Amino acid sequence: MKTTHLFIIPIAMLALISCNSNQVKEANEPTASIRKALNSPGILPIADEIKSAEYIPLEVTHDDASLIDGVVDYAITSKYIYVLVGKEARIVLFDRQGHFLRTFLQQGQGANEFRGMIGFIQADEANNRFYAIGNKIGVYTLEGEFVEDLPINKPIIYAHYLGKDRIGAISVPLMPFKEGSFGIGLFDEDGTPIITKNNFYSSLVPKEKSGFTFGVMSSPSDDEHSILFKMASNDTIFRLSTDTIQPALVADLKNSDAEVIRGLDIHDIKKFPAAGDIFVTDLFETSRRYYLRMMLNENYYVASVAKKTSETVIEKCDTPEKKAYNLADINMQLGMVGSKGYKQFPIWGRVLGNNLVQVVTPYEVEVFKGGTEITVPQELQIKDGNENPIFIIYKLK
């Protein structure tokens, strides 16, 4: 999860158009015909991107340090699986076979502890670096040896190290743009802004009340070394890369003015979209497609958008009879809210290198198996619903 060098050539900043036609169409970014595709839902063609699947249950030992009470974030290398857990601010280290190794890092004031909040983690195997991101960026080797701390000089909700002395960051919600909030931006390792963008305005909301609300989404794109970002008030998904901020995809949502206001008005906070409005909660991309997960009328949908042709396919997620808002109670990653386009088992995750990584919990598997029409692979026929999460690694073609 991830949110300015002295360039001589200026980067053109993109103005956002308000109301129902609130998208920016620039260059050759594809347009996803979301509303149109909702009229004829199908099954996502995700199977043609997957070569094989590997199932890795995380070991539970007699040491309580191995217990995972909720996956906040994770990182994977060819040797390790790093898990940022929920109730305790610590990172747990497993090998790639799922064997518990040790607590990699925990929050605290002692030697070799992270002093501050940990919100996201990231592993860079090529450069032997691990990043713990919170109120600062702690830099370590992949084995856990401390290297340095990088400052974060702005209040953020999300950050990601992009390489080449670049950090992409998303501003914390509920701060007005007009009073200095940077919106989205690129920073150097000293926290100096290089490129920032905060002109997310609409005629529907006074400028002094405009800022990010809870209707923001950010997702790392490992393959592109970038961050994908979207807010509820606009149909454009932006890409933050090492030296630019530019549109990547236009999601033609045709939402109401109320959703524009929900995304911008920091004085009128509504956490969830109104009936009829589509909220993009997260997304990932492969070399061939964008995949979007969305909420509409308390149901989840997933979409695929072909990068070359803009062909858009929508699939309604098969979920238990629970309000969509409560599904995070059984897995913060919503691991099984996804597409049944591969062997009838719902897939959703994050692309790390040439892998699509999915995190499910035994309890989540049991809930979905009992309340949906999904097919559960033999590798997930687990007897004890209280075990640690299972990582599923799909090798991409």
Protein backbone atom coordinates (compact mmCIF):
# COMPACT_ATOMS: atom_id res chain seq x y z
CA MET A 1 0.00 0.00 0.00
CA LYS A 2 1.94 3.76 -1.15
CA THR A 3 1.28 8.34 -1.41
CA THR A 4 9.48 16.99 -5.52
CA HIS A 5 13.66 17.01 -7.14
CA LEU A 6 14.17 20.01 -9.13
CA PHE A 7 12.87 19.32 -12.62
CA ILE A 8 13.59 22.00 -15.19
CA ILE A 9 10.78 20.85 -17.47
CA PRO A 10 7.48 21.44 -15.64
CA ILE A 11 4.95 18.65 -15.32
CA ALA A 12 1.47 19.74 -16.41
CA MET A 13 -1.03 19.27 -13.62
CA LEU A 14 -4.43 17.95 -14.65
CA ALA A 15 -7.64 19.80 -13.78
CA LEU A 16 -10.60 17.72 -12.64
CA ILE A 17 -14.06 18.33 -14.03
CA SER A 18 -16.95 18.14 -11.60
CA CYS A 19 -20.46 16.68 -11.61
CA ASN A 20 -21.49 13.60 -13.57
CA SER A 21 -18.93 14.06 -16.34
CA ASN A 22 -16.18 14.33 -13.77
CA GLN A 23 -13.38 12.58 -15.63
CA VAL A 24 -10.18 13.79 -17.21
CA LYS A 25 -9.45 12.23 -20.58
CA GLU A 26 -5.84 12.68 -21.49
CA ALA A 27 -3.35 10.94 -23.77
CA ASN A 28 -4.23 7.29 -24.46
CA GLU A 29 -5.46 6.00 -21.13
CA PRO A 30 -8.32 3.49 -21.54
CA THR A 31 -11.90 4.16 -20.45
CA ALA A 32 -13.72 1.45 -18.50
CA SER A 33 -17.41 1.36 -19.44
CA ILE A 34 -18.48 0.32 -15.96
CA ARG A 35 -22.16 1.31 -16.06
CA LYS A 36 -22.67 -0.28 -19.46
CA ALA A 37 -20.94 -3.52 -18.41
CA LEU A 38 -23.15 -3.74 -15.31
CA ASN A 39 -26.11 -4.37 -17.62
CA SER A 40 -24.64 -7.67 -18.79
CA PRO A 41 -22.46 -9.13 -16.01
CA GLY A 42 -20.29 -12.14 -16.68
CA ILE A 43 -17.18 -13.84 -15.33
CA LEU A 44 -13.81 -12.09 -15.45
CA PRO A 45 -11.26 -13.64 -17.83
CA ILE A 46 -8.69 -13.86 -15.05
CA ALA A 47 -7.95 -17.55 -15.71
CA ASP A 48 -6.07 -16.73 -18.89
CA GLU A 49 -3.52 -14.77 -16.82
CA ILE A 50 -2.77 -17.52 -14.27
CA LYS A 51 -0.22 -20.28 -14.82
CA SER A 52 -0.39 -22.08 -11.45
CA ALA A 53 -1.36 -21.67 -7.79
CA GLU A 54 0.65 -22.31 -4.61
CA TYR A 55 -1.01 -22.54 -1.17
CA ILE A 56 1.04 -21.51 1.88
CA PRO A 57 -0.61 -21.81 5.32
CA LEU A 58 1.24 -19.78 7.94
CA GLU A 59 2.46 -21.95 10.78
CA VAL A 60 1.13 -21.60 14.32
CA THR A 61 3.69 -22.55 16.96
CA HIS A 62 3.57 -22.68 20.75
CA ASP A 63 5.10 -19.20 20.68
CA ASP A 64 2.30 -16.59 20.71
CA ALA A 65 4.48 -14.45 18.46
CA SER A 66 3.44 -16.64 15.53
CA LEU A 67 -0.26 -15.83 15.90
CA ILE A 68 -1.76 -13.50 13.28
CA ASP A 69 -4.84 -11.64 14.53
CA GLY A 70 -5.48 -9.85 11.25
CA VAL A 71 -3.39 -8.98 8.20
CA VAL A 72 -3.00 -5.22 7.79
CA ASP A 73 -0.33 -5.43 5.11
CA TYR A 74 2.19 -7.91 3.75
CA ALA A 75 5.31 -8.23 1.62
CA ILE A 76 6.86 -11.23 -0.12
CA THR A 77 10.29 -12.14 -1.46
CA SER A 78 11.68 -15.41 -2.83
CA LYS A 79 12.71 -16.33 0.76
CA TYR A 80 10.29 -14.62 3.11
CA ILE A 81 6.70 -13.64 3.86
CA TYR A 82 6.40 -10.52 6.04
CA VAL A 83 3.06 -9.87 7.78
CA LEU A 84 2.01 -6.64 9.49
CA VAL A 85 -0.57 -7.83 12.00
CA GLY A 86 -3.69 -6.12 13.26
CA LYS A 87 -4.09 -5.62 17.00
CA GLU A 88 -0.40 -5.43 17.84
CA ALA A 89 1.95 -3.12 15.97
CA ARG A 90 4.46 -5.75 14.88
CA ILE A 91 5.75 -7.46 11.77
CA VAL A 92 6.01 -11.26 11.78
CA LEU A 93 8.47 -13.14 9.57
CA PHE A 94 7.79 -16.50 7.91
CA ASP A 95 9.76 -18.35 5.27
CA ARG A 96 8.23 -18.99 1.85
CA GLN A 97 6.98 -22.38 3.01
CA GLY A 98 5.02 -20.67 5.81
CA HIS A 99 7.26 -21.69 8.73
CA PHE A 100 7.35 -19.14 11.54
CA LEU A 101 10.80 -17.60 11.99
CA ARG A 102 10.55 -14.67 14.39
CA THR A 103 9.12 -11.24 15.09
CA PHE A 104 10.84 -9.12 12.47
CA LEU A 105 10.03 -5.71 13.95
CA GLN A 106 7.69 -4.28 16.55
CA GLN A 107 6.61 -0.87 17.71
CA GLY A 108 8.30 0.38 20.85
CA GLN A 109 10.97 2.56 22.38
CA GLY A 110 13.68 -0.05 22.84
CA ALA A 111 16.71 -0.88 20.75
CA ASN A 112 15.83 -2.24 17.29
CA GLU A 113 12.17 -1.25 17.74
CA PHE A 114 10.15 1.05 15.52
CA ARG A 115 9.38 4.28 17.33
CA GLY A 116 6.01 5.31 15.96
CA MET A 117 3.10 3.91 13.99
CA ILE A 118 3.58 1.24 11.30
CA GLY A 119 0.92 1.47 8.60
CA PHE A 120 2.42 -0.29 5.57
CA ILE A 121 5.34 -2.53 4.68
CA GLN A 122 7.28 -3.10 1.49
CA ALA A 123 10.14 -5.38 0.39
CA ASP A 124 12.61 -4.60 -2.40
CA GLU A 125 14.46 -7.84 -3.03
CA ALA A 126 16.59 -6.49 -5.87
CA ASN A 127 18.18 -3.92 -3.53
CA ASN A 128 18.01 -5.91 -0.26
CA ARG A 129 15.75 -3.35 1.37
CA PHE A 130 12.68 -3.57 3.59
CA TYR A 131 10.54 -0.51 4.37
CA ALA A 132 8.33 -0.01 7.44
CA ILE A 133 6.15 3.00 6.69
CA GLY A 134 4.29 5.09 9.24
CA ASN A 135 5.12 8.49 10.72
CA LYS A 136 8.53 7.90 9.13
CA ILE A 137 10.02 5.30 6.79
CA GLY A 138 12.27 2.83 8.56
CA VAL A 139 14.73 1.24 6.15
CA TYR A 140 16.13 -2.21 6.93
CA THR A 141 17.82 -5.08 5.11
CA LEU A 142 15.60 -8.02 4.24
CA GLU A 143 17.09 -9.84 7.23
CA GLY A 144 16.10 -6.99 9.59
CA GLU A 145 19.31 -5.01 10.03
CA PHE A 146 18.56 -1.30 10.50
CA VAL A 147 19.87 0.97 7.72
CA GLU A 148 18.33 4.41 8.22
CA ASP A 149 15.16 6.40 8.88
CA LEU A 150 13.66 8.61 6.18
CA PRO A 151 11.47 11.52 7.30
CA ILE A 152 7.87 12.12 6.31
CA ASN A 153 7.30 15.85 6.59
CA LYS A 154 3.60 15.88 5.69
CA PRO A 155 0.60 14.15 7.32
CA ILE A 156 -0.13 11.12 5.14
CA ILE A 157 -2.58 8.25 4.94
CA TYR A 158 -0.41 6.16 2.61
CA ALA A 159 3.14 6.08 1.26
CA HIS A 160 5.24 3.80 -0.94
CA TYR A 161 8.91 3.87 -1.82
CA LEU A 162 9.17 4.07 -5.60
CA GLY A 163 12.94 3.76 -5.95
CA LYS A 164 15.35 6.29 -7.44
CA ASP A 165 15.12 8.50 -4.34
CA ARG A 166 11.34 8.80 -4.71
CA ILE A 167 8.47 8.32 -2.29
CA GLY A 168 4.86 8.53 -3.46
CA ALA A 169 2.36 9.62 -0.84
CA ILE A 170 -1.37 10.29 -0.32
CA SER A 171 -2.40 13.05 2.09
CA VAL A 172 -4.36 12.23 5.21
CA PRO A 173 -8.13 12.87 4.80
CA LEU A 174 -10.09 15.75 6.32
CA MET A 175 -7.48 18.43 5.67
CA PRO A 176 -8.57 21.20 3.29
CA PHE A 177 -6.50 21.56 0.11
CA LYS A 178 -6.76 25.34 0.39
CA GLU A 179 -4.86 25.32 3.68
CA GLY A 180 -1.81 23.57 2.33
CA SER A 181 -2.66 19.88 2.09
CA PHE A 182 -0.64 18.41 -0.78
CA GLY A 183 -3.27 15.91 -2.01
CA ILE A 184 -1.10 13.38 -3.81
CA GLY A 185 2.60 13.86 -4.38
CA LEU A 186 6.13 12.70 -5.01
CA PHE A 187 8.85 13.44 -2.47
CA ASP A 188 12.56 12.83 -2.22
CA GLU A 189 14.12 10.82 0.60
CA ASP A 190 14.53 13.96 2.71
CA GLY A 191 10.79 14.63 2.55
CA THR A 192 11.14 17.53 0.10
CA PRO A 193 8.16 17.78 -2.30
CA ILE A 194 9.00 17.35 -5.98
CA ILE A 195 5.59 17.09 -7.64
CA THR A 196 2.29 17.56 -5.84
CA LYS A 197 -1.32 17.70 -6.97
CA ASN A 198 -4.18 19.12 -4.95
CA ASN A 199 -6.51 20.64 -7.55
CA PHE A 200 -9.25 18.09 -6.89
CA TYR A 201 -12.05 20.66 -6.89
CA SER A 202 -15.70 20.77 -7.90
CA SER A 203 -18.25 23.55 -8.17
CA LEU A 204 -20.43 21.46 -5.85
CA VAL A 205 -18.18 21.99 -2.83
CA PRO A 206 -16.70 25.30 -1.62
CA LYS A 207 -12.92 25.31 -1.90
CA GLU A 208 -12.45 25.98 1.79
CA LYS A 209 -14.35 22.73 2.51
CA SER A 210 -12.59 20.65 -0.15
CA GLY A 211 -10.13 17.91 0.72
CA PHE A 212 -9.82 14.15 0.77
CA THR A 213 -12.53 12.31 2.70
CA PHE A 214 -12.80 8.59 3.40
CA GLY A 215 -13.59 8.02 -0.28
CA VAL A 216 -9.95 7.54 -1.34
CA MET A 217 -8.21 4.45 -2.69
CA SER A 218 -4.51 3.82 -3.24
CA SER A 219 -2.77 0.69 -4.44
CA PRO A 220 0.87 -0.11 -5.19
CA SER A 221 1.68 -1.34 -8.68
CA ASP A 222 4.80 -3.43 -8.29
CA ASP A 223 5.14 -4.16 -11.99
CA GLU A 224 5.09 -0.46 -12.88
CA HIS A 225 6.96 0.80 -9.75
CA SER A 226 4.12 3.21 -9.15
CA ILE A 227 0.97 3.91 -7.15
CA LEU A 228 -2.56 3.89 -8.52
CA PHE A 229 -4.87 6.42 -6.85
CA LYS A 230 -8.56 7.27 -7.04
CA MET A 231 -10.94 9.42 -5.02
CA ALA A 232 -14.73 9.22 -4.91
CA SER A 233 -15.29 12.64 -6.46
CA ASN A 234 -13.64 11.83 -9.79
CA ASP A 235 -13.68 9.03 -12.35
CA THR A 236 -9.98 9.24 -13.17
CA ILE A 237 -7.46 6.82 -11.69
CA PHE A 238 -4.04 8.46 -11.47
CA ARG A 239 -0.60 6.91 -11.54
CA LEU A 240 2.19 8.28 -9.35
CA SER A 241 5.52 7.11 -10.75
CA THR A 242 9.09 8.18 -10.03
CA ASP A 243 8.84 11.48 -11.90
CA THR A 244 5.23 12.04 -13.01
CA ILE A 245 1.61 12.12 -11.89
CA GLN A 246 -0.68 11.29 -14.79
CA PRO A 247 -4.00 9.58 -15.61
CA ALA A 248 -3.88 5.80 -16.01
CA LEU A 249 -7.54 4.85 -16.47
CA VAL A 250 -10.94 6.51 -16.63
CA ALA A 251 -13.64 4.49 -14.87
CA ASP A 252 -16.93 5.63 -16.43
CA LEU A 253 -19.04 5.35 -13.26
CA LYS A 254 -21.73 7.95 -13.99
CA ASN A 255 -22.16 8.64 -10.27
CA SER A 256 -24.39 11.28 -8.73
CA ASP A 257 -23.47 14.71 -7.46
CA ALA A 258 -23.85 13.25 -3.96
CA GLU A 259 -20.84 10.99 -4.57
CA VAL A 260 -18.78 13.94 -5.77
CA ILE A 261 -19.66 15.75 -2.55
CA ARG A 262 -18.91 12.64 -0.47
CA GLY A 263 -15.45 12.54 -1.96
CA LEU A 264 -14.65 16.21 -1.35
CA ASP A 265 -16.63 17.81 1.48
CA ILE A 266 -14.65 17.34 4.68
CA HIS A 267 -17.47 18.96 6.69
CA ASP A 268 -20.13 16.45 5.58
CA ILE A 269 -18.49 13.06 6.06
CA LYS A 270 -20.28 9.94 4.85
CA LYS A 271 -18.21 6.77 4.92
CA PHE A 272 -20.26 4.85 2.35
CA PRO A 273 -21.74 5.76 -1.05
CA ALA A 274 -25.42 6.45 -1.54
CA ALA A 275 -27.71 3.97 -3.29
CA GLY A 276 -26.90 3.80 -6.99
CA ASP A 277 -23.36 5.15 -6.66
CA ILE A 278 -20.30 3.03 -7.39
CA PHE A 279 -17.30 3.23 -5.10
CA VAL A 280 -13.98 1.76 -6.27
CA THR A 281 -12.44 0.27 -3.12
CA ASP A 282 -9.20 -1.13 -4.53
CA LEU A 283 -7.54 -2.37 -7.70
CA PHE A 284 -4.53 -4.09 -9.14
CA GLU A 285 -3.05 -4.36 -12.60
CA THR A 286 -1.27 -6.93 -14.72
CA SER A 287 0.56 -6.26 -17.95
CA ARG A 288 -2.70 -6.90 -19.82
CA ARG A 289 -5.53 -5.59 -17.65
CA TYR A 290 -6.68 -3.39 -14.82
CA TYR A 291 -8.83 -5.11 -12.18
CA LEU A 292 -11.17 -3.00 -10.03
CA ARG A 293 -13.13 -4.03 -6.94
CA MET A 294 -16.22 -1.90 -6.32
CA MET A 295 -19.21 -1.47 -4.03
CA LEU A 296 -22.72 -0.76 -5.33
CA ASN A 297 -25.88 -0.94 -3.20
CA GLU A 298 -24.08 -2.91 -0.46
CA ASN A 299 -22.88 -5.52 -2.95
CA TYR A 300 -19.38 -6.08 -4.27
CA TYR A 301 -18.48 -6.26 -7.94
CA VAL A 302 -15.17 -6.75 -9.73
CA ALA A 303 -14.25 -5.50 -13.18
CA SER A 304 -11.49 -6.19 -15.67
CA VAL A 305 -10.45 -3.61 -18.25
CA ALA A 306 -8.20 -4.59 -21.13
CA LYS A 307 -5.39 -2.08 -21.53
CA LYS A 308 -5.24 -2.35 -25.33
CA THR A 309 -8.94 -2.50 -26.23
CA SER A 310 -10.69 -1.08 -23.10
CA GLU A 311 -12.98 -4.16 -23.13
CA THR A 312 -14.74 -4.08 -19.75
CA VAL A 313 -16.20 -7.13 -18.01
CA ILE A 314 -18.16 -6.90 -14.73
CA GLU A 315 -18.73 -9.77 -12.32
CA LYS A 316 -20.89 -9.71 -9.21
CA CYS A 317 -19.04 -11.19 -6.25
CA ASP A 318 -20.56 -14.22 -4.56
CA THR A 319 -20.61 -13.24 -0.88
CA PRO A 320 -22.40 -14.56 2.22
CA GLU A 321 -25.63 -13.01 3.40
CA LYS A 322 -23.91 -10.25 5.35
CA LYS A 323 -23.75 -6.55 4.74
CA ALA A 324 -20.76 -5.84 2.58
CA TYR A 325 -19.46 -3.40 5.18
CA ASN A 326 -19.06 -6.24 7.71
CA LEU A 327 -16.98 -8.61 5.58
CA ALA A 328 -13.75 -7.01 6.80
CA ASP A 329 -14.56 -8.44 10.22
CA ILE A 330 -13.56 -11.90 8.96
CA ASN A 331 -10.57 -10.75 6.87
CA MET A 332 -9.26 -7.20 6.67
CA GLN A 333 -7.95 -8.00 3.18
CA LEU A 334 -11.43 -9.16 1.97
CA GLY A 335 -9.48 -12.01 0.43
CA MET A 336 -12.42 -13.97 -0.96
CA VAL A 337 -14.40 -11.04 -2.32
CA GLY A 338 -13.34 -11.53 -5.92
CA SER A 339 -13.76 -13.25 -9.26
CA LYS A 340 -14.70 -16.91 -9.73
CA GLY A 341 -12.95 -16.89 -13.09
CA TYR A 342 -10.29 -19.40 -11.99
CA LYS A 343 -11.55 -22.87 -10.94
CA GLN A 344 -14.68 -21.36 -9.36
CA PHE A 345 -12.75 -20.06 -6.34
CA PRO A 346 -12.99 -16.28 -5.78
CA ILE A 347 -9.73 -14.47 -6.42
CA TRP A 348 -8.60 -11.04 -5.33
CA GLY A 349 -5.19 -9.85 -4.25
CA ARG A 350 -2.13 -7.81 -5.07
CA VAL A 351 0.42 -8.21 -7.83
CA LEU A 352 3.96 -8.51 -6.48
CA GLY A 353 6.47 -9.10 -9.24
CA ASN A 354 5.14 -11.89 -11.43
CA ASN A 355 2.77 -13.16 -8.74
CA LEU A 356 -0.80 -12.38 -7.77
CA VAL A 357 -0.89 -12.78 -3.99
CA GLN A 358 -4.14 -13.52 -2.15
CA VAL A 359 -4.63 -13.76 1.63
CA VAL A 360 -7.50 -15.80 3.06
CA THR A 361 -8.29 -16.97 6.57
CA PRO A 362 -9.66 -20.41 7.53
CA TYR A 363 -12.68 -18.78 9.16
CA GLU A 364 -13.34 -16.77 6.00
CA VAL A 365 -13.16 -19.95 3.92
CA GLU A 366 -15.71 -21.61 6.20
CA VAL A 367 -18.08 -18.61 6.06
CA PHE A 368 -17.94 -18.42 2.26
CA LYS A 369 -18.19 -22.20 1.84
CA GLY A 370 -21.35 -22.26 3.91
CA GLY A 371 -23.00 -19.19 2.41
CA THR A 372 -22.02 -19.10 -1.27
CA GLU A 373 -21.73 -21.25 -4.39
CA ILE A 374 -17.94 -21.19 -4.51
CA THR A 375 -15.65 -24.19 -5.03
CA VAL A 376 -13.01 -24.63 -2.32
CA PRO A 377 -9.72 -26.22 -3.43
CA GLN A 378 -8.52 -29.31 -1.59
CA GLU A 379 -5.60 -27.30 -0.23
CA LEU A 380 -8.05 -25.08 1.66
CA GLN A 381 -10.13 -27.86 3.23
CA ILE A 382 -8.96 -26.91 6.71
CA LYS A 383 -10.44 -28.41 9.86
CA ASP A 384 -9.61 -25.66 12.36
CA GLY A 385 -11.09 -22.25 11.56
CA ASN A 386 -8.84 -20.58 14.12
CA GLU A 387 -5.57 -21.23 12.30
CA ASN A 388 -3.36 -18.53 10.80
CA PRO A 389 -4.08 -17.02 7.37
CA ILE A 390 -3.19 -18.81 4.15
CA PHE A 391 -1.25 -17.10 1.37
CA ILE A 392 -2.17 -18.15 -2.15
CA ILE A 393 0.40 -17.24 -4.77
CA TYR A 394 -0.77 -17.35 -8.36
CA LYS A 395 2.05 -17.39 -10.88
CA LEU A 396 1.11 -15.07 -13.73
CA LYS A 397 1.71 -15.93 -17.37
